[in-house]
Amino acid sequence: MRLAFTGLALLGAVASGCGIRSTSLPVDAGAAPSRVSCVLPGDRETSDGGDGGNLPVRVYLACGSRVSPVDRRVALPDGDDSERLPVARGLLDALQTEPDSEEEAAGFKTAVPRDLKVDGAREGDPPAALRLNRPLKDLPSFALAQIVCTYAGTAAAGTDRSVILGGPASAGEDDPLRLFRCDTALRTRPEAAATAGTQQ
């Protein structure tokens, strides 16, 4: 019995000698992982450039693993389908603009290339078609999701809020047109944009 007690005492002494001691003080494990909020201040004011001629629009920016809407004021024609191309160009320009300080702080960014351009339908295309100067397969998937969701519901889209996009003509052949919808899957999984859309 005495021998067993001595053995336990020795074991306790060895354990305490390992340098592991309990403490009542807080331990600094470093900063917590940062997470983007993807939420802008409710009282945020969007600038109209001072001329009062810009219209309030909703553009979609990349934030975290999705694309989310941001309210901006953009110089756009206030018209019908006949203004499809000017509207598409104005919105594309807005998507290519870097986020302002509040947007950046909330985690927003844009994946739309600065040199991307949009043109109208070619001969034989549906009237609502828009063609980019790059093949769709060469665009970052987040950029394609941003464009589709920003165009949907504006004069750049069809009457059913669908967006028909294609790339440029190459060697006498047009890049195939595809019809997109800004649905939940595209907004929450923009990487799926590469295989989304219905070929026209």
N, C-alpha and C. Protein backbone atom coordinates (compact mmCIF):
# COMPACT_ATOMS: atom_id res chain seq x y z
N MET A 1 0.85 -1.19 0.00
CA MET A 1 0.00 0.00 0.00
C MET A 1 0.88 1.24 0.00
N ARG A 2 1.91 1.23 0.90
CA ARG A 2 2.82 2.37 0.96
C ARG A 2 3.61 2.52 -0.34
N LEU A 3 3.97 1.37 -0.94
CA LEU A 3 4.72 1.39 -2.20
C LEU A 3 3.88 1.98 -3.32
N ALA A 4 2.60 1.63 -3.35
CA ALA A 4 1.70 2.16 -4.38
C ALA A 4 1.55 3.66 -4.24
N PHE A 5 1.45 4.15 -2.99
CA PHE A 5 1.31 5.59 -2.75
C PHE A 5 2.56 6.34 -3.22
N THR A 6 3.72 5.73 -2.95
CA THR A 6 4.98 6.36 -3.38
C THR A 6 5.06 6.45 -4.90
N GLY A 7 4.57 5.39 -5.58
CA GLY A 7 4.57 5.39 -7.05
C GLY A 7 3.69 6.48 -7.61
N LEU A 8 2.54 6.70 -7.02
CA LEU A 8 1.62 7.74 -7.49
C LEU A 8 2.22 9.12 -7.27
N ALA A 9 2.88 9.30 -6.14
CA ALA A 9 3.51 10.59 -5.85
C ALA A 9 4.60 10.88 -6.87
N LEU A 10 5.38 9.85 -7.23
CA LEU A 10 6.45 10.02 -8.20
C LEU A 10 5.88 10.37 -9.58
N LEU A 11 4.79 9.71 -9.96
CA LEU A 11 4.13 9.98 -11.24
C LEU A 11 3.64 11.42 -11.30
N GLY A 12 3.09 11.92 -10.20
CA GLY A 12 2.62 13.31 -10.15
C GLY A 12 3.75 14.28 -10.31
N ALA A 13 4.89 13.97 -9.70
CA ALA A 13 6.05 14.85 -9.80
C ALA A 13 6.57 14.91 -11.22
N VAL A 14 6.59 13.75 -11.91
CA VAL A 14 7.05 13.71 -13.31
C VAL A 14 6.13 14.54 -14.19
N ALA A 15 4.81 14.42 -14.01
CA ALA A 15 3.84 15.15 -14.83
C ALA A 15 3.99 16.65 -14.64
N SER A 16 4.21 17.07 -13.37
CA SER A 16 4.34 18.50 -13.13
C SER A 16 5.64 19.04 -13.69
N GLY A 17 6.59 18.17 -13.94
CA GLY A 17 7.87 18.61 -14.49
C GLY A 17 7.85 18.75 -15.99
N CYS A 18 6.74 18.46 -16.66
CA CYS A 18 6.66 18.56 -18.12
C CYS A 18 6.46 19.99 -18.59
N GLY A 19 6.27 20.90 -17.66
CA GLY A 19 6.10 22.30 -18.04
C GLY A 19 4.68 22.67 -18.39
N ILE A 20 3.72 21.77 -18.21
CA ILE A 20 2.32 22.06 -18.50
C ILE A 20 1.65 22.44 -17.19
N ARG A 21 1.31 23.71 -17.07
CA ARG A 21 0.69 24.19 -15.84
C ARG A 21 -0.63 24.85 -16.15
N SER A 22 -1.58 24.66 -15.28
CA SER A 22 -2.87 25.33 -15.47
C SER A 22 -2.71 26.81 -15.19
N THR A 23 -3.52 27.60 -15.84
CA THR A 23 -3.45 29.05 -15.64
C THR A 23 -4.84 29.65 -15.67
N SER A 24 -5.03 30.68 -14.88
CA SER A 24 -6.32 31.38 -14.87
C SER A 24 -6.28 32.61 -15.75
N LEU A 25 -5.12 32.85 -16.40
CA LEU A 25 -4.98 34.03 -17.26
C LEU A 25 -5.43 33.72 -18.67
N PRO A 26 -6.00 34.70 -19.39
CA PRO A 26 -6.39 34.46 -20.79
C PRO A 26 -5.17 34.24 -21.67
N VAL A 27 -5.31 33.37 -22.64
CA VAL A 27 -4.21 33.06 -23.55
C VAL A 27 -4.46 33.73 -24.89
N ASP A 28 -3.48 34.46 -25.39
CA ASP A 28 -3.61 35.14 -26.68
C ASP A 28 -3.28 34.16 -27.79
N ALA A 29 -4.32 33.69 -28.49
CA ALA A 29 -4.12 32.73 -29.59
C ALA A 29 -4.08 33.43 -30.94
N GLY A 30 -3.96 34.76 -30.93
CA GLY A 30 -3.93 35.48 -32.19
C GLY A 30 -5.31 35.96 -32.59
N ALA A 31 -5.34 36.74 -33.65
CA ALA A 31 -6.61 37.30 -34.11
C ALA A 31 -7.49 36.22 -34.70
N ALA A 32 -8.79 36.39 -34.55
CA ALA A 32 -9.74 35.45 -35.15
C ALA A 32 -9.70 35.59 -36.66
N PRO A 33 -10.00 34.52 -37.41
CA PRO A 33 -10.00 34.61 -38.87
C PRO A 33 -10.95 35.71 -39.34
N SER A 34 -10.49 36.52 -40.28
CA SER A 34 -11.33 37.62 -40.76
C SER A 34 -12.39 37.09 -41.71
N ARG A 35 -13.59 37.65 -41.64
CA ARG A 35 -14.68 37.27 -42.52
C ARG A 35 -15.27 38.53 -43.12
N VAL A 36 -15.60 38.45 -44.40
CA VAL A 36 -16.20 39.61 -45.03
C VAL A 36 -17.69 39.63 -44.70
N SER A 37 -18.23 40.83 -44.53
CA SER A 37 -19.63 40.95 -44.14
C SER A 37 -20.57 40.95 -45.33
N CYS A 38 -20.11 41.45 -46.47
CA CYS A 38 -20.94 41.57 -47.68
C CYS A 38 -22.20 42.40 -47.40
N VAL A 39 -22.11 43.29 -46.41
CA VAL A 39 -23.23 44.16 -46.05
C VAL A 39 -22.72 45.59 -45.97
N LEU A 40 -23.43 46.50 -46.64
CA LEU A 40 -23.05 47.91 -46.62
C LEU A 40 -23.90 48.66 -45.60
N PRO A 41 -23.43 49.80 -45.11
CA PRO A 41 -24.21 50.59 -44.15
C PRO A 41 -25.59 50.94 -44.70
N GLY A 42 -26.59 50.89 -43.82
CA GLY A 42 -27.94 51.18 -44.27
C GLY A 42 -28.15 52.62 -44.68
N ASP A 43 -27.35 53.54 -44.12
CA ASP A 43 -27.50 54.95 -44.44
C ASP A 43 -26.53 55.40 -45.52
N ARG A 44 -25.96 54.43 -46.22
CA ARG A 44 -24.99 54.75 -47.27
C ARG A 44 -25.65 55.56 -48.37
N GLU A 45 -24.96 56.60 -48.81
CA GLU A 45 -25.45 57.43 -49.92
C GLU A 45 -24.60 57.16 -51.14
N THR A 46 -25.26 56.94 -52.28
CA THR A 46 -24.53 56.70 -53.52
C THR A 46 -24.41 58.00 -54.29
N SER A 47 -23.22 58.26 -54.75
CA SER A 47 -22.95 59.51 -55.47
C SER A 47 -23.51 59.46 -56.88
N ASP A 48 -24.05 60.59 -57.36
CA ASP A 48 -24.52 60.65 -58.74
C ASP A 48 -23.62 61.53 -59.59
N GLY A 49 -22.42 61.77 -59.11
CA GLY A 49 -21.46 62.55 -59.88
C GLY A 49 -21.73 64.03 -59.87
N GLY A 50 -22.77 64.46 -59.13
CA GLY A 50 -23.03 65.87 -58.99
C GLY A 50 -23.89 66.48 -60.09
N ASP A 51 -24.17 65.71 -61.15
CA ASP A 51 -24.95 66.30 -62.23
C ASP A 51 -26.41 65.88 -62.18
N GLY A 52 -26.74 64.97 -61.26
CA GLY A 52 -28.13 64.56 -61.10
C GLY A 52 -28.66 63.74 -62.26
N GLY A 53 -27.82 63.41 -63.24
CA GLY A 53 -28.28 62.68 -64.42
C GLY A 53 -28.10 61.19 -64.32
N ASN A 54 -27.52 60.70 -63.26
CA ASN A 54 -27.28 59.27 -63.11
C ASN A 54 -28.48 58.59 -62.46
N LEU A 55 -28.71 57.35 -62.86
CA LEU A 55 -29.86 56.61 -62.36
C LEU A 55 -29.43 55.59 -61.30
N PRO A 56 -30.28 55.37 -60.29
CA PRO A 56 -29.95 54.34 -59.30
C PRO A 56 -30.10 52.95 -59.92
N VAL A 57 -29.08 52.15 -59.82
CA VAL A 57 -29.11 50.79 -60.36
C VAL A 57 -28.51 49.84 -59.33
N ARG A 58 -28.73 48.58 -59.56
CA ARG A 58 -28.18 47.55 -58.68
C ARG A 58 -27.19 46.73 -59.50
N VAL A 59 -25.93 46.79 -59.12
CA VAL A 59 -24.91 46.00 -59.80
C VAL A 59 -24.45 44.88 -58.85
N TYR A 60 -24.04 43.79 -59.44
CA TYR A 60 -23.61 42.64 -58.65
C TYR A 60 -22.09 42.55 -58.62
N LEU A 61 -21.54 42.48 -57.42
CA LEU A 61 -20.10 42.36 -57.22
C LEU A 61 -19.79 41.04 -56.53
N ALA A 62 -18.57 40.58 -56.71
CA ALA A 62 -18.13 39.37 -56.02
C ALA A 62 -17.87 39.68 -54.56
N CYS A 63 -18.33 38.79 -53.69
CA CYS A 63 -18.09 38.96 -52.25
C CYS A 63 -18.07 37.58 -51.62
N GLY A 64 -16.91 37.19 -51.08
CA GLY A 64 -16.79 35.85 -50.54
C GLY A 64 -16.95 34.82 -51.65
N SER A 65 -17.86 33.90 -51.46
CA SER A 65 -18.06 32.83 -52.44
C SER A 65 -19.32 33.03 -53.27
N ARG A 66 -19.81 34.27 -53.35
CA ARG A 66 -21.04 34.54 -54.09
C ARG A 66 -20.97 35.90 -54.76
N VAL A 67 -22.01 36.23 -55.54
CA VAL A 67 -22.14 37.60 -56.05
C VAL A 67 -23.35 38.22 -55.36
N SER A 68 -23.20 39.47 -54.94
CA SER A 68 -24.24 40.15 -54.17
C SER A 68 -24.49 41.54 -54.74
N PRO A 69 -25.73 42.05 -54.60
CA PRO A 69 -26.07 43.35 -55.18
C PRO A 69 -25.55 44.52 -54.37
N VAL A 70 -25.19 45.57 -55.08
CA VAL A 70 -24.74 46.83 -54.49
C VAL A 70 -25.46 47.95 -55.22
N ASP A 71 -26.02 48.90 -54.49
CA ASP A 71 -26.69 50.03 -55.11
C ASP A 71 -25.68 51.09 -55.52
N ARG A 72 -25.78 51.51 -56.78
CA ARG A 72 -24.92 52.57 -57.29
C ARG A 72 -25.76 53.49 -58.17
N ARG A 73 -25.18 54.64 -58.50
CA ARG A 73 -25.81 55.53 -59.46
C ARG A 73 -24.92 55.56 -60.70
N VAL A 74 -25.54 55.25 -61.85
CA VAL A 74 -24.79 55.07 -63.09
C VAL A 74 -25.42 55.90 -64.20
N ALA A 75 -24.60 56.45 -65.06
CA ALA A 75 -25.10 57.22 -66.21
C ALA A 75 -25.68 56.25 -67.23
N LEU A 76 -27.01 56.19 -67.30
CA LEU A 76 -27.70 55.28 -68.22
C LEU A 76 -28.82 56.01 -68.93
N PRO A 77 -29.13 55.62 -70.17
CA PRO A 77 -30.32 56.17 -70.83
C PRO A 77 -31.57 55.60 -70.17
N ASP A 78 -32.54 56.43 -69.94
CA ASP A 78 -33.79 56.00 -69.32
C ASP A 78 -34.77 55.67 -70.44
N GLY A 79 -34.61 54.47 -71.02
CA GLY A 79 -35.42 54.15 -72.18
C GLY A 79 -35.89 52.71 -72.19
N ASP A 80 -36.34 52.25 -73.38
CA ASP A 80 -36.87 50.91 -73.51
C ASP A 80 -35.83 50.00 -74.16
N ASP A 81 -36.31 48.93 -74.82
CA ASP A 81 -35.40 47.96 -75.42
C ASP A 81 -34.50 48.56 -76.49
N SER A 82 -34.93 49.68 -77.08
CA SER A 82 -34.09 50.31 -78.10
C SER A 82 -32.79 50.83 -77.51
N GLU A 83 -32.75 50.96 -76.19
CA GLU A 83 -31.55 51.44 -75.50
C GLU A 83 -30.74 50.28 -74.93
N ARG A 84 -31.02 49.06 -75.41
CA ARG A 84 -30.36 47.88 -74.83
C ARG A 84 -28.84 48.01 -74.82
N LEU A 85 -28.25 48.35 -75.95
CA LEU A 85 -26.79 48.40 -76.02
C LEU A 85 -26.20 49.51 -75.15
N PRO A 86 -26.72 50.76 -75.19
CA PRO A 86 -26.18 51.78 -74.29
C PRO A 86 -26.31 51.40 -72.81
N VAL A 87 -27.42 50.77 -72.45
CA VAL A 87 -27.59 50.33 -71.06
C VAL A 87 -26.56 49.26 -70.71
N ALA A 88 -26.39 48.29 -71.62
CA ALA A 88 -25.43 47.22 -71.38
C ALA A 88 -24.02 47.78 -71.22
N ARG A 89 -23.67 48.77 -72.04
CA ARG A 89 -22.33 49.36 -71.95
C ARG A 89 -22.15 50.16 -70.66
N GLY A 90 -23.19 50.89 -70.27
CA GLY A 90 -23.10 51.66 -69.03
C GLY A 90 -22.96 50.76 -67.81
N LEU A 91 -23.71 49.66 -67.80
CA LEU A 91 -23.63 48.72 -66.68
C LEU A 91 -22.28 48.00 -66.66
N LEU A 92 -21.78 47.66 -67.84
CA LEU A 92 -20.47 47.00 -67.90
C LEU A 92 -19.38 47.93 -67.36
N ASP A 93 -19.49 49.20 -67.70
CA ASP A 93 -18.52 50.18 -67.19
C ASP A 93 -18.59 50.25 -65.66
N ALA A 94 -19.81 50.19 -65.12
CA ALA A 94 -19.97 50.21 -63.66
C ALA A 94 -19.34 48.97 -63.02
N LEU A 95 -19.48 47.83 -63.69
CA LEU A 95 -18.90 46.59 -63.15
C LEU A 95 -17.37 46.61 -63.20
N GLN A 96 -16.82 47.36 -64.13
CA GLN A 96 -15.37 47.44 -64.25
C GLN A 96 -14.76 48.46 -63.30
N THR A 97 -15.61 49.28 -62.68
CA THR A 97 -15.14 50.28 -61.72
C THR A 97 -14.79 49.61 -60.40
N GLU A 98 -13.62 49.93 -59.88
CA GLU A 98 -13.20 49.33 -58.61
C GLU A 98 -14.15 49.74 -57.48
N PRO A 99 -14.39 48.86 -56.52
CA PRO A 99 -15.26 49.19 -55.38
C PRO A 99 -14.75 50.42 -54.63
N ASP A 100 -15.70 51.22 -54.10
CA ASP A 100 -15.29 52.36 -53.28
C ASP A 100 -14.85 51.85 -51.91
N SER A 101 -14.47 52.77 -51.03
CA SER A 101 -13.89 52.37 -49.74
C SER A 101 -14.87 51.57 -48.89
N GLU A 102 -16.16 51.94 -48.90
CA GLU A 102 -17.14 51.21 -48.10
C GLU A 102 -17.37 49.82 -48.66
N GLU A 103 -17.47 49.73 -49.99
CA GLU A 103 -17.66 48.43 -50.63
C GLU A 103 -16.47 47.51 -50.37
N GLU A 104 -15.28 48.08 -50.48
CA GLU A 104 -14.06 47.29 -50.26
C GLU A 104 -13.98 46.80 -48.81
N ALA A 105 -14.35 47.67 -47.87
CA ALA A 105 -14.31 47.29 -46.46
C ALA A 105 -15.29 46.17 -46.15
N ALA A 106 -16.40 46.12 -46.89
CA ALA A 106 -17.40 45.07 -46.68
C ALA A 106 -17.04 43.78 -47.40
N GLY A 107 -15.96 43.81 -48.19
CA GLY A 107 -15.50 42.58 -48.85
C GLY A 107 -15.84 42.47 -50.32
N PHE A 108 -16.42 43.53 -50.90
CA PHE A 108 -16.80 43.47 -52.31
C PHE A 108 -15.60 43.70 -53.23
N LYS A 109 -15.62 43.04 -54.38
CA LYS A 109 -14.62 43.25 -55.42
C LYS A 109 -15.24 42.91 -56.77
N THR A 110 -14.55 43.23 -57.84
CA THR A 110 -15.05 42.90 -59.17
C THR A 110 -14.06 42.01 -59.89
N ALA A 111 -14.61 41.04 -60.63
CA ALA A 111 -13.79 40.13 -61.41
C ALA A 111 -13.88 40.43 -62.90
N VAL A 112 -14.63 41.49 -63.25
CA VAL A 112 -14.85 41.82 -64.67
C VAL A 112 -13.60 42.48 -65.25
N PRO A 113 -13.02 41.92 -66.31
CA PRO A 113 -11.80 42.49 -66.89
C PRO A 113 -12.00 43.92 -67.39
N ARG A 114 -10.99 44.75 -67.23
CA ARG A 114 -11.08 46.15 -67.64
C ARG A 114 -11.20 46.30 -69.15
N ASP A 115 -10.67 45.35 -69.91
CA ASP A 115 -10.68 45.48 -71.37
C ASP A 115 -11.87 44.80 -72.03
N LEU A 116 -12.82 44.34 -71.22
CA LEU A 116 -14.00 43.68 -71.78
C LEU A 116 -14.93 44.71 -72.41
N LYS A 117 -15.47 44.40 -73.58
CA LYS A 117 -16.40 45.29 -74.28
C LYS A 117 -17.63 44.50 -74.69
N VAL A 118 -18.74 45.21 -74.87
CA VAL A 118 -19.98 44.57 -75.29
C VAL A 118 -20.51 45.24 -76.54
N ASP A 119 -21.07 44.43 -77.43
CA ASP A 119 -21.65 44.93 -78.67
C ASP A 119 -23.04 44.34 -78.83
N GLY A 120 -23.77 44.82 -79.83
CA GLY A 120 -25.13 44.36 -80.04
C GLY A 120 -25.20 43.05 -80.80
N ALA A 121 -26.44 42.65 -81.12
CA ALA A 121 -26.68 41.39 -81.82
C ALA A 121 -26.11 41.43 -83.24
N ARG A 122 -25.62 40.29 -83.69
CA ARG A 122 -25.18 40.14 -85.07
C ARG A 122 -26.36 39.73 -85.93
N GLU A 123 -26.16 39.76 -87.23
CA GLU A 123 -27.20 39.31 -88.15
C GLU A 123 -27.51 37.84 -87.87
N GLY A 124 -28.78 37.54 -87.70
CA GLY A 124 -29.20 36.18 -87.39
C GLY A 124 -29.34 35.90 -85.91
N ASP A 125 -28.84 36.81 -85.06
CA ASP A 125 -28.99 36.64 -83.61
C ASP A 125 -30.39 37.05 -83.16
N PRO A 126 -30.87 36.54 -82.02
CA PRO A 126 -32.10 37.08 -81.43
C PRO A 126 -31.89 38.56 -81.11
N PRO A 127 -32.95 39.36 -81.21
CA PRO A 127 -32.81 40.81 -80.97
C PRO A 127 -32.21 41.15 -79.61
N ALA A 128 -32.46 40.32 -78.60
CA ALA A 128 -31.99 40.63 -77.25
C ALA A 128 -30.55 40.20 -77.00
N ALA A 129 -29.90 39.62 -78.01
CA ALA A 129 -28.55 39.09 -77.81
C ALA A 129 -27.52 40.22 -77.66
N LEU A 130 -26.53 39.96 -76.86
CA LEU A 130 -25.38 40.85 -76.69
C LEU A 130 -24.11 40.03 -76.87
N ARG A 131 -23.13 40.63 -77.53
CA ARG A 131 -21.89 39.89 -77.78
C ARG A 131 -20.70 40.61 -77.14
N LEU A 132 -19.88 39.82 -76.46
CA LEU A 132 -18.69 40.34 -75.81
C LEU A 132 -17.48 40.15 -76.72
N ASN A 133 -16.42 40.88 -76.44
CA ASN A 133 -15.22 40.75 -77.28
C ASN A 133 -14.30 39.62 -76.83
N ARG A 134 -14.79 38.78 -75.92
CA ARG A 134 -14.08 37.58 -75.50
C ARG A 134 -15.04 36.40 -75.54
N PRO A 135 -14.56 35.20 -75.89
CA PRO A 135 -15.42 34.02 -75.76
C PRO A 135 -15.84 33.83 -74.31
N LEU A 136 -17.06 33.39 -74.11
CA LEU A 136 -17.57 33.23 -72.75
C LEU A 136 -16.69 32.28 -71.93
N LYS A 137 -16.15 31.25 -72.58
CA LYS A 137 -15.33 30.27 -71.86
C LYS A 137 -14.03 30.87 -71.33
N ASP A 138 -13.63 32.02 -71.88
CA ASP A 138 -12.39 32.66 -71.43
C ASP A 138 -12.61 33.66 -70.30
N LEU A 139 -13.87 33.89 -69.94
CA LEU A 139 -14.16 34.84 -68.86
C LEU A 139 -14.06 34.16 -67.50
N PRO A 140 -13.59 34.88 -66.48
CA PRO A 140 -13.68 34.33 -65.12
C PRO A 140 -15.14 34.05 -64.78
N SER A 141 -15.42 32.92 -64.14
CA SER A 141 -16.81 32.56 -63.86
C SER A 141 -17.51 33.61 -63.00
N PHE A 142 -16.79 34.22 -62.06
CA PHE A 142 -17.40 35.26 -61.23
C PHE A 142 -17.77 36.47 -62.08
N ALA A 143 -16.95 36.80 -63.08
CA ALA A 143 -17.25 37.93 -63.97
C ALA A 143 -18.53 37.67 -64.75
N LEU A 144 -18.68 36.46 -65.27
CA LEU A 144 -19.88 36.11 -66.03
C LEU A 144 -21.12 36.20 -65.14
N ALA A 145 -21.02 35.71 -63.91
CA ALA A 145 -22.15 35.79 -62.98
C ALA A 145 -22.48 37.25 -62.66
N GLN A 146 -21.47 38.08 -62.48
CA GLN A 146 -21.70 39.51 -62.22
C GLN A 146 -22.46 40.15 -63.38
N ILE A 147 -22.03 39.87 -64.60
CA ILE A 147 -22.65 40.49 -65.78
C ILE A 147 -24.09 40.04 -65.92
N VAL A 148 -24.32 38.73 -65.83
CA VAL A 148 -25.68 38.20 -66.01
C VAL A 148 -26.63 38.80 -64.98
N CYS A 149 -26.24 38.79 -63.71
CA CYS A 149 -27.14 39.27 -62.66
C CYS A 149 -27.33 40.78 -62.70
N THR A 150 -26.32 41.52 -63.15
CA THR A 150 -26.47 42.97 -63.28
C THR A 150 -27.38 43.31 -64.45
N TYR A 151 -27.26 42.59 -65.56
CA TYR A 151 -28.10 42.86 -66.74
C TYR A 151 -29.56 42.43 -66.53
N ALA A 152 -29.78 41.36 -65.78
CA ALA A 152 -31.14 40.85 -65.60
C ALA A 152 -32.03 41.93 -64.98
N GLY A 153 -33.23 42.06 -65.51
CA GLY A 153 -34.16 43.05 -64.98
C GLY A 153 -33.95 44.46 -65.49
N THR A 154 -33.02 44.65 -66.43
CA THR A 154 -32.79 45.97 -67.03
C THR A 154 -33.09 45.88 -68.52
N ALA A 155 -32.96 47.00 -69.22
CA ALA A 155 -33.19 47.01 -70.66
C ALA A 155 -32.15 46.18 -71.40
N ALA A 156 -31.07 45.79 -70.72
CA ALA A 156 -30.05 44.95 -71.35
C ALA A 156 -30.50 43.50 -71.46
N ALA A 157 -31.58 43.14 -70.76
CA ALA A 157 -32.07 41.76 -70.75
C ALA A 157 -33.34 41.65 -71.59
N GLY A 158 -33.81 40.41 -71.74
CA GLY A 158 -35.07 40.18 -72.42
C GLY A 158 -36.25 40.53 -71.52
N THR A 159 -37.44 40.44 -72.06
CA THR A 159 -38.64 40.79 -71.29
C THR A 159 -38.86 39.84 -70.11
N ASP A 160 -38.29 38.64 -70.19
CA ASP A 160 -38.44 37.67 -69.10
C ASP A 160 -37.24 37.68 -68.15
N ARG A 161 -36.44 38.74 -68.21
CA ARG A 161 -35.27 38.93 -67.35
C ARG A 161 -34.12 37.99 -67.69
N SER A 162 -34.24 37.28 -68.82
CA SER A 162 -33.14 36.42 -69.24
C SER A 162 -32.09 37.25 -69.96
N VAL A 163 -30.86 36.76 -69.97
CA VAL A 163 -29.75 37.47 -70.60
C VAL A 163 -29.12 36.54 -71.63
N ILE A 164 -29.05 37.01 -72.88
CA ILE A 164 -28.45 36.22 -73.95
C ILE A 164 -27.09 36.81 -74.29
N LEU A 165 -26.05 36.01 -74.08
CA LEU A 165 -24.69 36.47 -74.29
C LEU A 165 -23.93 35.53 -75.22
N GLY A 166 -22.99 36.10 -75.94
CA GLY A 166 -22.09 35.31 -76.77
C GLY A 166 -20.77 36.02 -76.89
N GLY A 167 -19.81 35.35 -77.47
CA GLY A 167 -18.51 35.95 -77.69
C GLY A 167 -18.42 36.53 -79.09
N PRO A 168 -17.23 36.91 -79.53
CA PRO A 168 -17.05 37.54 -80.84
C PRO A 168 -17.07 36.53 -81.97
N ALA A 169 -17.12 37.05 -83.21
CA ALA A 169 -16.99 36.18 -84.37
C ALA A 169 -15.53 35.78 -84.52
N SER A 170 -15.30 34.54 -84.89
CA SER A 170 -13.93 34.05 -85.06
C SER A 170 -13.88 33.14 -86.28
N ALA A 171 -13.00 33.49 -87.23
CA ALA A 171 -12.84 32.71 -88.46
C ALA A 171 -14.18 32.51 -89.16
N GLY A 172 -14.97 33.58 -89.15
CA GLY A 172 -16.25 33.54 -89.85
C GLY A 172 -17.36 32.88 -89.07
N GLU A 173 -17.09 32.40 -87.86
CA GLU A 173 -18.12 31.75 -87.06
C GLU A 173 -18.30 32.50 -85.75
N ASP A 174 -19.56 32.68 -85.36
CA ASP A 174 -19.85 33.36 -84.10
C ASP A 174 -19.69 32.39 -82.93
N ASP A 175 -19.19 32.93 -81.82
CA ASP A 175 -19.17 32.16 -80.59
C ASP A 175 -20.62 31.87 -80.21
N PRO A 176 -20.97 30.62 -79.88
CA PRO A 176 -22.37 30.28 -79.62
C PRO A 176 -23.00 31.16 -78.55
N LEU A 177 -24.25 31.53 -78.79
CA LEU A 177 -25.01 32.30 -77.80
C LEU A 177 -25.53 31.38 -76.71
N ARG A 178 -25.60 31.90 -75.49
CA ARG A 178 -26.18 31.15 -74.39
C ARG A 178 -27.13 32.05 -73.61
N LEU A 179 -28.23 31.46 -73.19
CA LEU A 179 -29.24 32.19 -72.42
C LEU A 179 -29.03 31.88 -70.93
N PHE A 180 -28.92 32.95 -70.15
CA PHE A 180 -28.67 32.82 -68.71
C PHE A 180 -29.82 33.43 -67.90
N ARG A 181 -29.97 32.93 -66.69
CA ARG A 181 -30.88 33.54 -65.72
C ARG A 181 -30.13 33.74 -64.41
N CYS A 182 -30.42 34.85 -63.77
CA CYS A 182 -29.77 35.14 -62.48
C CYS A 182 -30.56 34.45 -61.38
N ASP A 183 -30.37 33.14 -61.28
CA ASP A 183 -31.10 32.38 -60.26
C ASP A 183 -30.23 32.20 -59.01
N THR A 184 -30.80 31.54 -58.01
CA THR A 184 -30.09 31.36 -56.75
C THR A 184 -28.78 30.61 -56.94
N ALA A 185 -28.80 29.60 -57.81
CA ALA A 185 -27.59 28.81 -58.04
C ALA A 185 -26.47 29.67 -58.59
N LEU A 186 -26.79 30.57 -59.52
CA LEU A 186 -25.75 31.41 -60.11
C LEU A 186 -25.24 32.44 -59.11
N ARG A 187 -26.13 32.96 -58.27
CA ARG A 187 -25.71 33.96 -57.28
C ARG A 187 -24.86 33.36 -56.17
N THR A 188 -25.20 32.14 -55.76
CA THR A 188 -24.50 31.55 -54.62
C THR A 188 -23.35 30.63 -55.02
N ARG A 189 -23.33 30.22 -56.27
CA ARG A 189 -22.22 29.39 -56.76
C ARG A 189 -21.74 29.91 -58.11
N PRO A 190 -21.15 31.10 -58.13
CA PRO A 190 -20.75 31.72 -59.40
C PRO A 190 -19.80 30.87 -60.22
N GLU A 191 -19.07 29.97 -59.56
CA GLU A 191 -18.14 29.12 -60.31
C GLU A 191 -18.88 28.22 -61.30
N ALA A 192 -20.21 28.05 -61.08
CA ALA A 192 -21.01 27.23 -61.98
C ALA A 192 -21.37 27.97 -63.27
N ALA A 193 -21.04 29.26 -63.34
CA ALA A 193 -21.39 30.05 -64.52
C ALA A 193 -20.74 29.49 -65.78
N ALA A 194 -19.58 28.87 -65.63
CA ALA A 194 -18.86 28.34 -66.79
C ALA A 194 -19.67 27.29 -67.53
N THR A 195 -20.53 26.58 -66.82
CA THR A 195 -21.33 25.54 -67.46
C THR A 195 -22.82 25.87 -67.43
N ALA A 196 -23.17 27.06 -66.96
CA ALA A 196 -24.58 27.46 -66.88
C ALA A 196 -25.04 27.97 -68.24
N GLY A 197 -26.33 28.24 -68.34
CA GLY A 197 -26.87 28.80 -69.57
C GLY A 197 -27.29 27.73 -70.56
N THR A 198 -28.23 28.12 -71.41
CA THR A 198 -28.75 27.23 -72.45
C THR A 198 -28.30 27.74 -73.81
N GLN A 199 -27.66 26.88 -74.59
CA GLN A 199 -27.18 27.31 -75.90
C GLN A 199 -28.35 27.63 -76.81
N GLN A 200 -28.24 28.73 -77.54
CA GLN A 200 -29.32 29.19 -78.42
C GLN A 200 -29.06 28.79 -79.87
